[in-house]
Each structure stands twice: as structure tokens, then as C-alpha cells.
C-alpha atoms as a PDB file:
ATOM      1  CA  MET A   1     -78.832  88.370-119.293  1.00  0.00           C
ATOM      2  CA  ILE A   2     -76.986  90.390-116.610  1.00  0.00           C
ATOM      3  CA  GLN A   3     -74.193  91.227-119.060  1.00  0.00           C
ATOM      4  CA  ASN A   4     -76.751  92.353-121.641  1.00  0.00           C
ATOM      5  CA  THR A   5     -78.394  94.657-119.066  1.00  0.00           C
ATOM      6  CA  GLN A   6     -75.009  96.107-118.067  1.00  0.00           C
ATOM      7  CA  ASN A   7     -74.088  96.704-121.715  1.00  0.00           C
ATOM      8  CA  ARG A   8     -77.414  98.422-122.350  1.00  0.00           C
ATOM      9  CA  ASP A   9     -76.972 100.630-119.266  1.00  0.00           C
ATOM     10  CA  SER A  10     -73.442 101.509-120.355  1.00  0.00           C
ATOM     11  CA  GLN A  11     -74.581 102.400-123.867  1.00  0.00           C
ATOM     12  CA  ALA A  12     -77.398 104.575-122.507  1.00  0.00           C
ATOM     13  CA  LEU A  13     -74.950 106.359-120.223  1.00  0.00           C
ATOM     14  CA  HIS A  14     -72.597 107.011-123.134  1.00  0.00           C
ATOM     15  CA  VAL A  15     -75.429 108.478-125.211  1.00  0.00           C
ATOM     16  CA  LYS A  16     -76.397 110.773-122.334  1.00  0.00           C
ATOM     17  CA  LEU A  17     -72.803 111.913-121.856  1.00  0.00           C
ATOM     18  CA  ASP A  18     -72.399 112.446-125.593  1.00  0.00           C
ATOM     19  CA  GLU A  19     -75.482 114.672-125.597  1.00  0.00           C
ATOM     20  CA  LEU A  20     -74.145 116.724-122.687  1.00  0.00           C
ATOM     21  CA  ILE A  21     -70.794 117.184-124.410  1.00  0.00           C
ATOM     22  CA  ARG A  22     -72.467 118.062-127.702  1.00  0.00           C
ATOM     23  CA  ALA A  23     -74.841 120.557-126.088  1.00  0.00           C
ATOM     24  CA  LYS A  24     -72.255 122.334-123.907  1.00  0.00           C
ATOM     25  CA  LYS A  25     -70.857 125.416-125.596  1.00  0.00           C
ATOM     26  CA  GLY A  26     -67.074 125.242-125.574  1.00  0.00           C
ATOM     27  CA  ALA A  27     -66.975 121.478-125.048  1.00  0.00           C
ATOM     28  CA  ARG A  28     -64.672 119.464-127.235  1.00  0.00           C
ATOM     29  CA  ASN A  29     -66.924 117.454-129.536  1.00  0.00           C
ATOM     30  CA  SER A  30     -63.892 115.341-130.371  1.00  0.00           C
ATOM     31  CA  LEU A  31     -64.475 113.625-127.012  1.00  0.00           C
ATOM     32  CA  LEU A  32     -67.720 112.117-128.291  1.00  0.00           C
ATOM     33  CA  ASP A  33     -66.052 109.021-129.709  1.00  0.00           C
ATOM     34  CA  LEU A  34     -63.531 108.172-127.006  1.00  0.00           C
ATOM     35  CA  ASP A  35     -64.493 104.517-127.195  1.00  0.00           C
ATOM     36  CA  GLU A  36     -62.824 104.455-130.620  1.00  0.00           C
ATOM     37  CA  LEU A  37     -59.406 105.513-129.264  1.00  0.00           C
ATOM     38  CA  SER A  38     -56.562 103.130-128.583  1.00  0.00           C
ATOM     39  CA  ASP A  39     -55.529 102.343-125.011  1.00  0.00           C
ATOM     40  CA  GLU A  40     -52.476 104.563-125.439  1.00  0.00           C
ATOM     41  CA  GLU A  41     -54.551 107.493-126.711  1.00  0.00           C
ATOM     42  CA  LEU A  42     -57.004 107.106-123.832  1.00  0.00           C
ATOM     43  CA  GLU A  43     -54.158 107.036-121.313  1.00  0.00           C
ATOM     44  CA  ARG A  44     -52.622 110.174-122.830  1.00  0.00           C
ATOM     45  CA  LEU A  45     -55.987 111.930-122.592  1.00  0.00           C
ATOM     46  CA  ARG A  46     -56.489 110.717-119.006  1.00  0.00           C
ATOM     47  CA  ARG A  47     -53.085 112.136-118.036  1.00  0.00           C
ATOM     48  CA  SER A  48     -53.988 115.435-119.680  1.00  0.00           C
ATOM     49  CA  PHE A  49     -57.186 115.696-117.629  1.00  0.00           C
ATOM     50  CA  ALA A  50     -55.289 114.684-114.484  1.00  0.00           C
ATOM     51  CA  LYS A  51     -52.845 117.565-115.089  1.00  0.00           C
ATOM     52  CA  MET A  52     -55.744 119.994-115.555  1.00  0.00           C
ATOM     53  CA  GLY A  53     -57.269 118.753-112.298  1.00  0.00           C
ATOM     54  CA  ALA A  54     -54.000 119.150-110.417  1.00  0.00           C
ATOM     55  CA  LYS A  55     -53.596 122.681-111.781  1.00  0.00           C
ATOM     56  CA  ALA A  56     -57.152 123.592-110.746  1.00  0.00           C
ATOM     57  CA  ARG A  57     -56.591 122.196-107.243  1.00  0.00           C
ATOM     58  CA  LYS A  58     -53.329 124.154-106.948  1.00  0.00           C
ATOM     59  CA  GLU A  59     -54.999 127.382-108.100  1.00  0.00           C
ATOM     60  CA  LYS A  60     -57.834 126.831-105.644  1.00  0.00           C
ATOM     61  CA  LEU A  61     -55.338 126.289-102.830  1.00  0.00           C
ATOM     62  CA  ILE A  62     -53.468 129.462-103.780  1.00  0.00           C
ATOM     63  CA  ASP A  63     -56.777 131.372-103.781  1.00  0.00           C
ATOM     64  CA  LYS A  64     -57.567 130.051-100.286  1.00  0.00           C
ATOM     65  CA  ILE A  65     -54.126 131.070 -99.000  1.00  0.00           C
ATOM     66  CA  GLU A  66     -54.513 134.556-100.492  1.00  0.00           C
ATOM     67  CA  ASP A  67     -58.012 134.901 -98.979  1.00  0.00           C
ATOM     68  CA  HIS A  68     -56.691 133.857 -95.587  1.00  0.00           C
ATOM     69  CA  ALA A  69     -53.788 136.310 -95.828  1.00  0.00           C
ATOM     70  CA  ASN A  70     -56.229 139.097 -96.721  1.00  0.00           C
ATOM     71  CA  GLU A  71     -58.413 138.210 -93.729  1.00  0.00           C
ATOM     72  CA  ILE A  72     -55.411 138.384 -91.401  1.00  0.00           C
ATOM     73  CA  ALA A  73     -54.355 141.734 -92.909  1.00  0.00           C
ATOM     74  CA  GLU A  74     -57.854 143.132 -92.413  1.00  0.00           C
ATOM     75  CA  GLN A  75     -57.832 142.072 -88.758  1.00  0.00           C
ATOM     76  CA  HIS A  76     -54.671 144.079 -88.071  1.00  0.00           C
END
């Protein structure tokens, strides 16, 4: 019974996520059926998103450094 409830919750969550992906302009609708991918394909996709996250964090850090440098320059 617990497993059935967990499966139902998981399926409902997937449907909600699928709707968000489908409704978001610019989203990749190809992500809607990730549960059909092989383990290797999922891992490759996970690594791709990890790289995008690392790049975004790096860009954010660079922006913070530039903002701080500008603040120091304005003070002098």
C-alpha cells in the first residue's frame, strides 16, 4: 500500500513537471519523456545540466567580482 502511494505521488509529480515543461516557452519538450531514456542517456543529460550549472555559477561569481571592483573604483 505504501509503495502504491509513493508510485502514485511520483506519477502525479511527473505529470505536473511535464505540464510546466510543455507550457514554458523555450523549454525543450524532448525532456518530457526522460523516464524512457537509458541510464547512460540520463547520465549524459545530467552531466550536461551540471556543466550549465557550473557555468552559471562561474558567470555569477564573475559578475559579483566586477560589481565589487566597480564599487571600489567609485569610492576612490
